[in-house]
């Protein structure tokens, strides 16, 4: 387990988000990334969550719609990792996983691609 305060973890998430390929993030529209300590149920099992309607499921989407959210949970990440390199890798994987859900890629396909 790693000890890292909220501000340092947010900086790490921002750094990993900036490092993602342009083609992965270019299509992100009306979406916010949120870092929270834990999921609502308080568990340490969930590393991230996409809250929104995937692109593949939208009829119309436009002005006035609330943004979709990708939540990254700090404490579960810190609990799951033994060092900073492992933490960076896990945050990267979580970001890719949740962004994939935005694009409509389900968990089965993520497993096939090696992203879950």
PDB file of N, CA and C in Angstrom:
ATOM      1  N   UNK A   1       0.843  -1.185   0.000  1.00  0.00           N
ATOM      2  CA  UNK A   1       0.000   0.000   0.000  1.00  0.00           C
ATOM      3  C   UNK A   1       0.884   1.243   0.000  1.00  0.00           C
ATOM      4  N   UNK A   2       0.437   2.247  -0.734  1.00  0.00           N
ATOM      5  CA  UNK A   2       1.164   3.504  -0.844  1.00  0.00           C
ATOM      6  C   UNK A   2       0.422   4.574  -0.055  1.00  0.00           C
ATOM      7  N   UNK A   3       1.165   5.515   0.506  1.00  0.00           N
ATOM      8  CA  UNK A   3       0.569   6.665   1.179  1.00  0.00           C
ATOM      9  C   UNK A   3       0.774   7.886   0.275  1.00  0.00           C
ATOM     10  N   UNK A   4      -0.331   8.514  -0.140  1.00  0.00           N
ATOM     11  CA  UNK A   4      -0.253   9.694  -1.008  1.00  0.00           C
ATOM     12  C   UNK A   4      -1.471  10.562  -0.733  1.00  0.00           C
ATOM     13  N   UNK A   5      -1.241  11.853  -0.545  1.00  0.00           N
ATOM     14  CA  UNK A   5      -2.371  12.737  -0.267  1.00  0.00           C
ATOM     15  C   UNK A   5      -3.182  13.003  -1.535  1.00  0.00           C
ATOM     16  N   UNK A   6      -4.349  13.588  -1.346  1.00  0.00           N
ATOM     17  CA  UNK A   6      -5.295  13.788  -2.450  1.00  0.00           C
ATOM     18  C   UNK A   6      -4.703  14.660  -3.558  1.00  0.00           C
ATOM     19  N   UNK A   7      -4.010  15.722  -3.187  1.00  0.00           N
ATOM     20  CA  UNK A   7      -3.458  16.630  -4.195  1.00  0.00           C
ATOM     21  C   UNK A   7      -2.402  15.938  -5.059  1.00  0.00           C
ATOM     22  N   UNK A   8      -1.517  15.184  -4.438  1.00  0.00           N
ATOM     23  CA  UNK A   8      -0.478  14.472  -5.192  1.00  0.00           C
ATOM     24  C   UNK A   8      -1.104  13.416  -6.106  1.00  0.00           C
ATOM     25  N   UNK A   9      -2.152  12.743  -5.620  1.00  0.00           N
ATOM     26  CA  UNK A   9      -2.817  11.735  -6.449  1.00  0.00           C
ATOM     27  C   UNK A   9      -3.512  12.390  -7.639  1.00  0.00           C
ATOM     28  N   UNK A  10      -4.169  13.529  -7.416  1.00  0.00           N
ATOM     29  CA  UNK A  10      -4.812  14.250  -8.525  1.00  0.00           C
ATOM     30  C   UNK A  10      -3.773  14.663  -9.563  1.00  0.00           C
ATOM     31  N   UNK A  11      -2.608  15.105  -9.121  1.00  0.00           N
ATOM     32  CA  UNK A  11      -1.535  15.471 -10.044  1.00  0.00           C
ATOM     33  C   UNK A  11      -1.085  14.256 -10.860  1.00  0.00           C
ATOM     34  N   UNK A  12      -0.985  13.090 -10.207  1.00  0.00           N
ATOM     35  CA  UNK A  12      -0.597  11.870 -10.900  1.00  0.00           C
ATOM     36  C   UNK A  12      -1.644  11.501 -11.939  1.00  0.00           C
ATOM     37  N   UNK A  13      -2.924  11.585 -11.589  1.00  0.00           N
ATOM     38  CA  UNK A  13      -4.001  11.276 -12.540  1.00  0.00           C
ATOM     39  C   UNK A  13      -3.940  12.230 -13.726  1.00  0.00           C
ATOM     40  N   UNK A  14      -3.749  13.517 -13.460  1.00  0.00           N
ATOM     41  CA  UNK A  14      -3.664  14.502 -14.542  1.00  0.00           C
ATOM     42  C   UNK A  14      -2.481  14.202 -15.459  1.00  0.00           C
ATOM     43  N   UNK A  15      -1.368  13.813 -14.868  1.00  0.00           N
ATOM     44  CA  UNK A  15      -0.182  13.478 -15.655  1.00  0.00           C
ATOM     45  C   UNK A  15      -0.439  12.256 -16.544  1.00  0.00           C
ATOM     46  N   UNK A  16      -1.081  11.241 -16.004  1.00  0.00           N
ATOM     47  CA  UNK A  16      -1.390  10.046 -16.790  1.00  0.00           C
ATOM     48  C   UNK A  16      -2.422  10.346 -17.874  1.00  0.00           C
ATOM     49  N   UNK A  17      -3.366  11.212 -17.577  1.00  0.00           N
ATOM     50  CA  UNK A  17      -4.358  11.617 -18.583  1.00  0.00           C
ATOM     51  C   UNK A  17      -3.669  12.362 -19.730  1.00  0.00           C
ATOM     52  N   UNK A  18      -2.740  13.244 -19.395  1.00  0.00           N
ATOM     53  CA  UNK A  18      -1.993  13.980 -20.423  1.00  0.00           C
ATOM     54  C   UNK A  18      -1.135  13.053 -21.278  1.00  0.00           C
ATOM     55  N   UNK A  19      -0.726  11.919 -20.730  1.00  0.00           N
ATOM     56  CA  UNK A  19       0.149  10.991 -21.449  1.00  0.00           C
ATOM     57  C   UNK A  19      -0.608  10.049 -22.387  1.00  0.00           C
ATOM     58  N   UNK A  20      -1.930  10.036 -22.311  1.00  0.00           N
ATOM     59  CA  UNK A  20      -2.708   9.156 -23.188  1.00  0.00           C
ATOM     60  C   UNK A  20      -2.595   9.625 -24.636  1.00  0.00           C
ATOM     61  N   UNK A  21      -2.688   8.695 -25.584  1.00  0.00           N
ATOM     62  CA  UNK A  21      -2.577   9.066 -27.000  1.00  0.00           C
ATOM     63  C   UNK A  21      -3.677  10.045 -27.418  1.00  0.00           C
ATOM     64  N   UNK A  22      -3.327  10.979 -28.293  1.00  0.00           N
ATOM     65  CA  UNK A  22      -4.283  11.978 -28.768  1.00  0.00           C
ATOM     66  C   UNK A  22      -5.533  11.344 -29.366  1.00  0.00           C
ATOM     67  N   UNK A  23      -5.357  10.249 -30.117  1.00  0.00           N
ATOM     68  CA  UNK A  23      -6.518   9.630 -30.754  1.00  0.00           C
ATOM     69  C   UNK A  23      -7.492   9.038 -29.739  1.00  0.00           C
ATOM     70  N   UNK A  24      -7.025   8.762 -28.537  1.00  0.00           N
ATOM     71  CA  UNK A  24      -7.910   8.238 -27.502  1.00  0.00           C
ATOM     72  C   UNK A  24      -8.729   9.350 -26.856  1.00  0.00           C
ATOM     73  N   UNK A  25      -8.128  10.499 -26.665  1.00  0.00           N
ATOM     74  CA  UNK A  25      -8.812  11.573 -25.943  1.00  0.00           C
ATOM     75  C   UNK A  25      -9.457  12.608 -26.867  1.00  0.00           C
ATOM     76  N   UNK A  26      -9.131  12.576 -28.147  1.00  0.00           N
ATOM     77  CA  UNK A  26      -9.649  13.587 -29.078  1.00  0.00           C
ATOM     78  C   UNK A  26     -11.172  13.557 -29.175  1.00  0.00           C
ATOM     79  N   UNK A  27     -11.776  12.383 -29.059  1.00  0.00           N
ATOM     80  CA  UNK A  27     -13.227  12.263 -29.197  1.00  0.00           C
ATOM     81  C   UNK A  27     -14.008  12.491 -27.918  1.00  0.00           C
ATOM     82  N   UNK A  28     -13.309  12.738 -26.819  1.00  0.00           N
ATOM     83  CA  UNK A  28     -14.001  12.958 -25.556  1.00  0.00           C
ATOM     84  C   UNK A  28     -14.692  14.315 -25.598  1.00  0.00           C
ATOM     85  N   UNK A  29     -16.003  14.294 -25.442  1.00  0.00           N
ATOM     86  CA  UNK A  29     -16.784  15.520 -25.517  1.00  0.00           C
ATOM     87  C   UNK A  29     -17.762  15.552 -24.356  1.00  0.00           C
ATOM     88  N   UNK A  30     -17.833  16.676 -23.678  1.00  0.00           N
ATOM     89  CA  UNK A  30     -18.762  16.878 -22.574  1.00  0.00           C
ATOM     90  C   UNK A  30     -18.564  15.810 -21.498  1.00  0.00           C
ATOM     91  N   UNK A  31     -17.320  15.664 -21.080  1.00  0.00           N
ATOM     92  CA  UNK A  31     -16.972  14.689 -20.054  1.00  0.00           C
ATOM     93  C   UNK A  31     -16.013  15.319 -19.059  1.00  0.00           C
ATOM     94  N   UNK A  32     -16.187  15.000 -17.788  1.00  0.00           N
ATOM     95  CA  UNK A  32     -15.293  15.503 -16.751  1.00  0.00           C
ATOM     96  C   UNK A  32     -14.651  14.322 -16.031  1.00  0.00           C
ATOM     97  N   UNK A  33     -13.443  14.529 -15.589  1.00  0.00           N
ATOM     98  CA  UNK A  33     -12.718  13.540 -14.800  1.00  0.00           C
ATOM     99  C   UNK A  33     -12.724  14.016 -13.357  1.00  0.00           C
ATOM    100  N   UNK A  34     -13.115  13.129 -12.453  1.00  0.00           N
ATOM    101  CA  UNK A  34     -13.255  13.470 -11.043  1.00  0.00           C
ATOM    102  C   UNK A  34     -12.443  12.469 -10.225  1.00  0.00           C
ATOM    103  N   UNK A  35     -11.646  12.981  -9.302  1.00  0.00           N
ATOM    104  CA  UNK A  35     -10.922  12.109  -8.377  1.00  0.00           C
ATOM    105  C   UNK A  35     -11.658  12.167  -7.043  1.00  0.00           C
ATOM    106  N   UNK A  36     -12.012  10.990  -6.539  1.00  0.00           N
ATOM    107  CA  UNK A  36     -12.668  10.873  -5.240  1.00  0.00           C
ATOM    108  C   UNK A  36     -11.881   9.892  -4.394  1.00  0.00           C
ATOM    109  N   UNK A  37     -12.058   9.986  -3.072  1.00  0.00           N
ATOM    110  CA  UNK A  37     -11.333   9.073  -2.188  1.00  0.00           C
ATOM    111  C   UNK A  37     -11.771   7.629  -2.368  1.00  0.00           C
ATOM    112  N   UNK A  38     -13.089   7.401  -2.331  1.00  0.00           N
ATOM    113  CA  UNK A  38     -13.637   6.046  -2.445  1.00  0.00           C
ATOM    114  C   UNK A  38     -14.972   6.094  -3.171  1.00  0.00           C
ATOM    115  N   UNK A  39     -15.402   4.926  -3.677  1.00  0.00           N
ATOM    116  CA  UNK A  39     -16.761   4.860  -4.228  1.00  0.00           C
ATOM    117  C   UNK A  39     -17.789   5.098  -3.119  1.00  0.00           C
ATOM    118  N   UNK A  40     -19.023   5.380  -3.513  1.00  0.00           N
ATOM    119  CA  UNK A  40     -20.088   5.666  -2.542  1.00  0.00           C
ATOM    120  C   UNK A  40     -20.267   4.564  -1.516  1.00  0.00           C
ATOM    121  N   UNK A  41     -20.065   3.299  -1.904  1.00  0.00           N
ATOM    122  CA  UNK A  41     -20.257   2.200  -0.958  1.00  0.00           C
ATOM    123  C   UNK A  41     -19.074   2.026  -0.002  1.00  0.00           C
ATOM    124  N   UNK A  42     -18.013   2.832  -0.179  1.00  0.00           N
ATOM    125  CA  UNK A  42     -16.870   2.790   0.716  1.00  0.00           C
ATOM    126  C   UNK A  42     -15.894   1.660   0.462  1.00  0.00           C
ATOM    127  N   UNK A  43     -16.132   0.865  -0.567  1.00  0.00           N
ATOM    128  CA  UNK A  43     -15.284  -0.304  -0.821  1.00  0.00           C
ATOM    129  C   UNK A  43     -13.925   0.104  -1.390  1.00  0.00           C
ATOM    130  N   UNK A  44     -13.020  -0.845  -1.348  1.00  0.00           N
ATOM    131  CA  UNK A  44     -11.702  -0.656  -1.956  1.00  0.00           C
ATOM    132  C   UNK A  44     -11.553  -1.495  -3.221  1.00  0.00           C
ATOM    133  N   UNK A  45     -12.665  -2.048  -3.708  1.00  0.00           N
ATOM    134  CA  UNK A  45     -12.626  -2.949  -4.860  1.00  0.00           C
ATOM    135  C   UNK A  45     -12.728  -2.239  -6.206  1.00  0.00           C
ATOM    136  N   UNK A  46     -13.319  -1.068  -6.239  1.00  0.00           N
ATOM    137  CA  UNK A  46     -13.578  -0.360  -7.490  1.00  0.00           C
ATOM    138  C   UNK A  46     -12.550   0.748  -7.678  1.00  0.00           C
ATOM    139  N   UNK A  47     -11.812   0.693  -8.791  1.00  0.00           N
ATOM    140  CA  UNK A  47     -10.771   1.682  -9.054  1.00  0.00           C
ATOM    141  C   UNK A  47     -11.282   2.898  -9.806  1.00  0.00           C
ATOM    142  N   UNK A  48     -12.314   2.701 -10.635  1.00  0.00           N
ATOM    143  CA  UNK A  48     -12.859   3.798 -11.421  1.00  0.00           C
ATOM    144  C   UNK A  48     -14.258   3.470 -11.876  1.00  0.00           C
ATOM    145  N   UNK A  49     -14.941   4.499 -12.388  1.00  0.00           N
ATOM    146  CA  UNK A  49     -16.317   4.308 -12.835  1.00  0.00           C
ATOM    147  C   UNK A  49     -16.643   5.333 -13.917  1.00  0.00           C
ATOM    148  N   UNK A  50     -17.268   4.850 -14.985  1.00  0.00           N
ATOM    149  CA  UNK A  50     -17.803   5.742 -16.017  1.00  0.00           C
ATOM    150  C   UNK A  50     -19.280   5.944 -15.713  1.00  0.00           C
ATOM    151  N   UNK A  51     -19.695   7.178 -15.576  1.00  0.00           N
ATOM    152  CA  UNK A  51     -21.082   7.527 -15.293  1.00  0.00           C
ATOM    153  C   UNK A  51     -21.589   8.370 -16.455  1.00  0.00           C
ATOM    154  N   UNK A  52     -22.341   7.739 -17.346  1.00  0.00           N
ATOM    155  CA  UNK A  52     -22.857   8.449 -18.507  1.00  0.00           C
ATOM    156  C   UNK A  52     -23.452   7.482 -19.499  1.00  0.00           C
ATOM    157  N   UNK A  53     -23.710   7.994 -20.665  1.00  0.00           N
ATOM    158  CA  UNK A  53     -24.295   7.208 -21.739  1.00  0.00           C
ATOM    159  C   UNK A  53     -23.256   7.071 -22.854  1.00  0.00           C
ATOM    160  N   UNK A  54     -22.859   5.835 -23.124  1.00  0.00           N
ATOM    161  CA  UNK A  54     -21.818   5.575 -24.127  1.00  0.00           C
ATOM    162  C   UNK A  54     -22.221   6.134 -25.489  1.00  0.00           C
ATOM    163  N   UNK A  55     -21.240   6.509 -26.273  1.00  0.00           N
ATOM    164  CA  UNK A  55     -21.498   7.053 -27.609  1.00  0.00           C
ATOM    165  C   UNK A  55     -22.349   6.121 -28.452  1.00  0.00           C
ATOM    166  N   UNK A  56     -22.152   4.830 -28.281  1.00  0.00           N
ATOM    167  CA  UNK A  56     -22.885   3.853 -29.087  1.00  0.00           C
ATOM    168  C   UNK A  56     -24.357   3.739 -28.680  1.00  0.00           C
ATOM    169  N   UNK A  57     -24.744   4.335 -27.563  1.00  0.00           N
ATOM    170  CA  UNK A  57     -26.116   4.236 -27.067  1.00  0.00           C
ATOM    171  C   UNK A  57     -26.888   5.553 -27.169  1.00  0.00           C
ATOM    172  N   UNK A  58     -26.300   6.552 -27.772  1.00  0.00           N
ATOM    173  CA  UNK A  58     -26.928   7.876 -27.815  1.00  0.00           C
ATOM    174  C   UNK A  58     -27.736   8.059 -29.092  1.00  0.00           C
ATOM    175  N   UNK A  59     -28.961   8.573 -28.947  1.00  0.00           N
ATOM    176  CA  UNK A  59     -29.750   8.998 -30.109  1.00  0.00           C
ATOM    177  C   UNK A  59     -29.368  10.430 -30.447  1.00  0.00           C
ATOM    178  N   UNK A  60     -29.514  11.252 -29.449  1.00  0.00           N
ATOM    179  CA  UNK A  60     -29.156  12.659 -29.602  1.00  0.00           C
ATOM    180  C   UNK A  60     -28.437  13.074 -28.337  1.00  0.00           C
ATOM    181  N   UNK A  61     -27.596  14.012 -28.483  1.00  0.00           N
ATOM    182  CA  UNK A  61     -26.807  14.495 -27.357  1.00  0.00           C
ATOM    183  C   UNK A  61     -26.398  15.902 -27.731  1.00  0.00           C
ATOM    184  N   UNK A  62     -26.627  16.822 -26.864  1.00  0.00           N
ATOM    185  CA  UNK A  62     -26.277  18.170 -27.270  1.00  0.00           C
ATOM    186  C   UNK A  62     -26.318  19.171 -26.146  1.00  0.00           C
ATOM    187  N   UNK A  63     -26.602  20.365 -26.504  1.00  0.00           N
ATOM    188  CA  UNK A  63     -26.607  21.478 -25.573  1.00  0.00           C
ATOM    189  C   UNK A  63     -27.542  21.208 -24.402  1.00  0.00           C
ATOM    190  N   UNK A  64     -27.081  21.553 -23.225  1.00  0.00           N
ATOM    191  CA  UNK A  64     -27.898  21.420 -22.041  1.00  0.00           C
ATOM    192  C   UNK A  64     -27.763  20.085 -21.339  1.00  0.00           C
ATOM    193  N   UNK A  65     -27.116  19.106 -21.967  1.00  0.00           N
ATOM    194  CA  UNK A  65     -26.914  17.818 -21.311  1.00  0.00           C
ATOM    195  C   UNK A  65     -25.783  17.941 -20.291  1.00  0.00           C
ATOM    196  N   UNK A  66     -25.993  17.358 -19.114  1.00  0.00           N
ATOM    197  CA  UNK A  66     -24.930  17.341 -18.119  1.00  0.00           C
ATOM    198  C   UNK A  66     -23.771  16.509 -18.641  1.00  0.00           C
ATOM    199  N   UNK A  67     -22.559  16.850 -18.249  1.00  0.00           N
ATOM    200  CA  UNK A  67     -21.421  16.071 -18.742  1.00  0.00           C
ATOM    201  C   UNK A  67     -21.403  14.663 -18.148  1.00  0.00           C
ATOM    202  N   UNK A  68     -20.892  13.726 -18.934  1.00  0.00           N
ATOM    203  CA  UNK A  68     -20.592  12.404 -18.412  1.00  0.00           C
ATOM    204  C   UNK A  68     -19.418  12.565 -17.450  1.00  0.00           C
ATOM    205  N   UNK A  69     -19.254  11.580 -16.571  1.00  0.00           N
ATOM    206  CA  UNK A  69     -18.159  11.659 -15.597  1.00  0.00           C
ATOM    207  C   UNK A  69     -17.363  10.364 -15.596  1.00  0.00           C
ATOM    208  N   UNK A  70     -16.073  10.528 -15.441  1.00  0.00           N
ATOM    209  CA  UNK A  70     -15.201   9.400 -15.151  1.00  0.00           C
ATOM    210  C   UNK A  70     -14.615   9.669 -13.780  1.00  0.00           C
ATOM    211  N   UNK A  71     -14.931   8.766 -12.847  1.00  0.00           N
ATOM    212  CA  UNK A  71     -14.417   8.886 -11.495  1.00  0.00           C
ATOM    213  C   UNK A  71     -13.228   7.949 -11.323  1.00  0.00           C
ATOM    214  N   UNK A  72     -12.179   8.478 -10.717  1.00  0.00           N
ATOM    215  CA  UNK A  72     -10.995   7.706 -10.368  1.00  0.00           C
ATOM    216  C   UNK A  72     -10.904   7.741  -8.844  1.00  0.00           C
ATOM    217  N   UNK A  73     -10.819   6.562  -8.235  1.00  0.00           N
ATOM    218  CA  UNK A  73     -10.852   6.472  -6.777  1.00  0.00           C
ATOM    219  C   UNK A  73      -9.444   6.299  -6.208  1.00  0.00           C
ATOM    220  N   UNK A  74      -9.067   7.249  -5.352  1.00  0.00           N
ATOM    221  CA  UNK A  74      -7.710   7.316  -4.802  1.00  0.00           C
ATOM    222  C   UNK A  74      -7.386   6.153  -3.866  1.00  0.00           C
ATOM    223  N   UNK A  75      -8.178   5.964  -2.830  1.00  0.00           N
ATOM    224  CA  UNK A  75      -7.829   4.971  -1.816  1.00  0.00           C
ATOM    225  C   UNK A  75      -7.765   3.539  -2.368  1.00  0.00           C
ATOM    226  N   UNK A  76      -8.690   3.112  -3.226  1.00  0.00           N
ATOM    227  CA  UNK A  76      -8.533   1.769  -3.798  1.00  0.00           C
ATOM    228  C   UNK A  76      -7.246   1.608  -4.614  1.00  0.00           C
ATOM    229  N   UNK A  77      -6.853   2.652  -5.347  1.00  0.00           N
ATOM    230  CA  UNK A  77      -5.593   2.588  -6.090  1.00  0.00           C
ATOM    231  C   UNK A  77      -4.407   2.460  -5.130  1.00  0.00           C
ATOM    232  N   UNK A  78      -4.396   3.283  -4.096  1.00  0.00           N
ATOM    233  CA  UNK A  78      -3.283   3.246  -3.148  1.00  0.00           C
ATOM    234  C   UNK A  78      -3.224   1.900  -2.434  1.00  0.00           C
ATOM    235  N   UNK A  79      -4.372   1.341  -2.127  1.00  0.00           N
ATOM    236  CA  UNK A  79      -4.452   0.053  -1.447  1.00  0.00           C
ATOM    237  C   UNK A  79      -3.947  -1.086  -2.341  1.00  0.00           C
ATOM    238  N   UNK A  80      -4.166  -0.971  -3.650  1.00  0.00           N
ATOM    239  CA  UNK A  80      -3.835  -2.047  -4.584  1.00  0.00           C
ATOM    240  C   UNK A  80      -2.371  -2.046  -5.028  1.00  0.00           C
ATOM    241  N   UNK A  81      -1.657  -0.954  -4.802  1.00  0.00           N
ATOM    242  CA  UNK A  81      -0.313  -0.809  -5.378  1.00  0.00           C
ATOM    243  C   UNK A  81       0.766  -0.754  -4.297  1.00  0.00           C
ATOM    244  N   UNK A  82       1.941  -1.275  -4.658  1.00  0.00           N
ATOM    245  CA  UNK A  82       3.060  -1.323  -3.719  1.00  0.00           C
ATOM    246  C   UNK A  82       4.094  -0.225  -3.940  1.00  0.00           C
ATOM    247  N   UNK A  83       4.109   0.372  -5.132  1.00  0.00           N
ATOM    248  CA  UNK A  83       5.080   1.439  -5.392  1.00  0.00           C
ATOM    249  C   UNK A  83       4.511   2.403  -6.436  1.00  0.00           C
ATOM    250  N   UNK A  84       5.208   3.491  -6.643  1.00  0.00           N
ATOM    251  CA  UNK A  84       4.717   4.572  -7.502  1.00  0.00           C
ATOM    252  C   UNK A  84       4.609   4.129  -8.957  1.00  0.00           C
ATOM    253  N   UNK A  85       5.518   3.294  -9.426  1.00  0.00           N
ATOM    254  CA  UNK A  85       5.440   2.822 -10.809  1.00  0.00           C
ATOM    255  C   UNK A  85       4.201   1.955 -11.022  1.00  0.00           C
ATOM    256  N   UNK A  86       3.927   1.082 -10.074  1.00  0.00           N
ATOM    257  CA  UNK A  86       2.724   0.257 -10.157  1.00  0.00           C
ATOM    258  C   UNK A  86       1.467   1.137 -10.110  1.00  0.00           C
ATOM    259  N   UNK A  87       1.506   2.176  -9.266  1.00  0.00           N
ATOM    260  CA  UNK A  87       0.371   3.097  -9.161  1.00  0.00           C
ATOM    261  C   UNK A  87       0.132   3.816 -10.490  1.00  0.00           C
ATOM    262  N   UNK A  88       1.192   4.322 -11.101  1.00  0.00           N
ATOM    263  CA  UNK A  88       1.050   4.992 -12.403  1.00  0.00           C
ATOM    264  C   UNK A  88       0.440   4.038 -13.435  1.00  0.00           C
ATOM    265  N   UNK A  89       0.916   2.820 -13.476  1.00  0.00           N
ATOM    266  CA  UNK A  89       0.395   1.844 -14.411  1.00  0.00           C
ATOM    267  C   UNK A  89      -1.074   1.537 -14.159  1.00  0.00           C
ATOM    268  N   UNK A  90      -1.446   1.418 -12.905  1.00  0.00           N
ATOM    269  CA  UNK A  90      -2.837   1.106 -12.565  1.00  0.00           C
ATOM    270  C   UNK A  90      -3.763   2.281 -12.880  1.00  0.00           C
ATOM    271  N   UNK A  91      -3.318   3.502 -12.625  1.00  0.00           N
ATOM    272  CA  UNK A  91      -4.111   4.683 -12.976  1.00  0.00           C
ATOM    273  C   UNK A  91      -4.270   4.759 -14.492  1.00  0.00           C
ATOM    274  N   UNK A  92      -3.198   4.509 -15.214  1.00  0.00           N
ATOM    275  CA  UNK A  92      -3.250   4.507 -16.682  1.00  0.00           C
ATOM    276  C   UNK A  92      -4.287   3.493 -17.180  1.00  0.00           C
ATOM    277  N   UNK A  93      -4.204   2.274 -16.660  1.00  0.00           N
ATOM    278  CA  UNK A  93      -5.132   1.221 -17.063  1.00  0.00           C
ATOM    279  C   UNK A  93      -6.574   1.604 -16.733  1.00  0.00           C
ATOM    280  N   UNK A  94      -6.789   2.185 -15.560  1.00  0.00           N
ATOM    281  CA  UNK A  94      -8.135   2.593 -15.166  1.00  0.00           C
ATOM    282  C   UNK A  94      -8.666   3.679 -16.090  1.00  0.00           C
ATOM    283  N   UNK A  95      -7.845   4.654 -16.429  1.00  0.00           N
ATOM    284  CA  UNK A  95      -8.277   5.710 -17.351  1.00  0.00           C
ATOM    285  C   UNK A  95      -8.660   5.123 -18.706  1.00  0.00           C
ATOM    286  N   UNK A  96      -7.822   4.254 -19.251  1.00  0.00           N
ATOM    287  CA  UNK A  96      -8.110   3.632 -20.543  1.00  0.00           C
ATOM    288  C   UNK A  96      -9.413   2.840 -20.462  1.00  0.00           C
ATOM    289  N   UNK A  97      -9.575   2.092 -19.392  1.00  0.00           N
ATOM    290  CA  UNK A  97     -10.771   1.267 -19.195  1.00  0.00           C
ATOM    291  C   UNK A  97     -12.041   2.122 -19.177  1.00  0.00           C
ATOM    292  N   UNK A  98     -12.038   3.191 -18.404  1.00  0.00           N
ATOM    293  CA  UNK A  98     -13.239   4.030 -18.279  1.00  0.00           C
ATOM    294  C   UNK A  98     -13.489   4.842 -19.553  1.00  0.00           C
ATOM    295  N   UNK A  99     -12.449   5.302 -20.216  1.00  0.00           N
ATOM    296  CA  UNK A  99     -12.612   6.004 -21.490  1.00  0.00           C
ATOM    297  C   UNK A  99     -13.194   5.044 -22.531  1.00  0.00           C
ATOM    298  N   UNK A 100     -12.760   3.797 -22.489  1.00  0.00           N
ATOM    299  CA  UNK A 100     -13.310   2.792 -23.416  1.00  0.00           C
ATOM    300  C   UNK A 100     -14.815   2.648 -23.208  1.00  0.00           C
ATOM    301  N   UNK A 101     -15.266   2.687 -21.975  1.00  0.00           N
ATOM    302  CA  UNK A 101     -16.716   2.618 -21.722  1.00  0.00           C
ATOM    303  C   UNK A 101     -17.436   3.814 -22.345  1.00  0.00           C
ATOM    304  N   UNK A 102     -16.830   4.982 -22.319  1.00  0.00           N
ATOM    305  CA  UNK A 102     -17.405   6.165 -22.970  1.00  0.00           C
ATOM    306  C   UNK A 102     -17.625   5.886 -24.456  1.00  0.00           C
ATOM    307  N   UNK A 103     -16.660   5.206 -25.082  1.00  0.00           N
ATOM    308  CA  UNK A 103     -16.760   4.896 -26.511  1.00  0.00           C
ATOM    309  C   UNK A 103     -17.650   3.692 -26.798  1.00  0.00           C
ATOM    310  N   UNK A 104     -18.156   3.045 -25.750  1.00  0.00           N
ATOM    311  CA  UNK A 104     -19.070   1.923 -25.938  1.00  0.00           C
ATOM    312  C   UNK A 104     -18.409   0.564 -25.974  1.00  0.00           C
ATOM    313  N   UNK A 105     -17.168   0.480 -25.530  1.00  0.00           N
ATOM    314  CA  UNK A 105     -16.467  -0.799 -25.487  1.00  0.00           C
ATOM    315  C   UNK A 105     -16.785  -1.453 -24.148  1.00  0.00           C
ATOM    316  N   UNK A 106     -17.379  -2.646 -24.196  1.00  0.00           N
ATOM    317  CA  UNK A 106     -17.796  -3.310 -22.964  1.00  0.00           C
ATOM    318  C   UNK A 106     -16.647  -4.094 -22.330  1.00  0.00           C
ATOM    319  N   UNK A 107     -16.903  -4.614 -21.111  1.00  0.00           N
ATOM    320  CA  UNK A 107     -15.857  -5.323 -20.366  1.00  0.00           C
ATOM    321  C   UNK A 107     -15.344  -6.553 -21.103  1.00  0.00           C
ATOM    322  N   UNK A 108     -16.231  -7.279 -21.787  1.00  0.00           N
ATOM    323  CA  UNK A 108     -15.801  -8.467 -22.525  1.00  0.00           C
ATOM    324  C   UNK A 108     -14.765  -8.095 -23.583  1.00  0.00           C
ATOM    325  N   UNK A 109     -15.050  -7.047 -24.345  1.00  0.00           N
ATOM    326  CA  UNK A 109     -14.111  -6.606 -25.386  1.00  0.00           C
ATOM    327  C   UNK A 109     -12.831  -6.055 -24.756  1.00  0.00           C
ATOM    328  N   UNK A 110     -12.947  -5.368 -23.618  1.00  0.00           N
ATOM    329  CA  UNK A 110     -11.766  -4.862 -22.924  1.00  0.00           C
ATOM    330  C   UNK A 110     -10.847  -6.016 -22.505  1.00  0.00           C
ATOM    331  N   UNK A 111     -11.442  -7.120 -22.049  1.00  0.00           N
ATOM    332  CA  UNK A 111     -10.645  -8.292 -21.698  1.00  0.00           C
ATOM    333  C   UNK A 111      -9.946  -8.857 -22.926  1.00  0.00           C
ATOM    334  N   UNK A 112     -10.656  -8.909 -24.057  1.00  0.00           N
ATOM    335  CA  UNK A 112     -10.058  -9.397 -25.295  1.00  0.00           C
ATOM    336  C   UNK A 112      -8.867  -8.542 -25.702  1.00  0.00           C
ATOM    337  N   UNK A 113      -8.989  -7.242 -25.482  1.00  0.00           N
ATOM    338  CA  UNK A 113      -7.919  -6.303 -25.846  1.00  0.00           C
ATOM    339  C   UNK A 113      -6.806  -6.257 -24.795  1.00  0.00           C
ATOM    340  N   UNK A 114      -7.040  -6.883 -23.629  1.00  0.00           N
ATOM    341  CA  UNK A 114      -6.047  -6.867 -22.560  1.00  0.00           C
ATOM    342  C   UNK A 114      -6.079  -5.617 -21.715  1.00  0.00           C
ATOM    343  N   UNK A 115      -7.197  -4.887 -21.734  1.00  0.00           N
ATOM    344  CA  UNK A 115      -7.313  -3.636 -20.980  1.00  0.00           C
ATOM    345  C   UNK A 115      -8.108  -3.793 -19.688  1.00  0.00           C
ATOM    346  N   UNK A 116      -8.506  -4.992 -19.364  1.00  0.00           N
ATOM    347  CA  UNK A 116      -9.310  -5.189 -18.149  1.00  0.00           C
ATOM    348  C   UNK A 116      -8.827  -6.421 -17.409  1.00  0.00           C
TER     349      UNK A 116
END
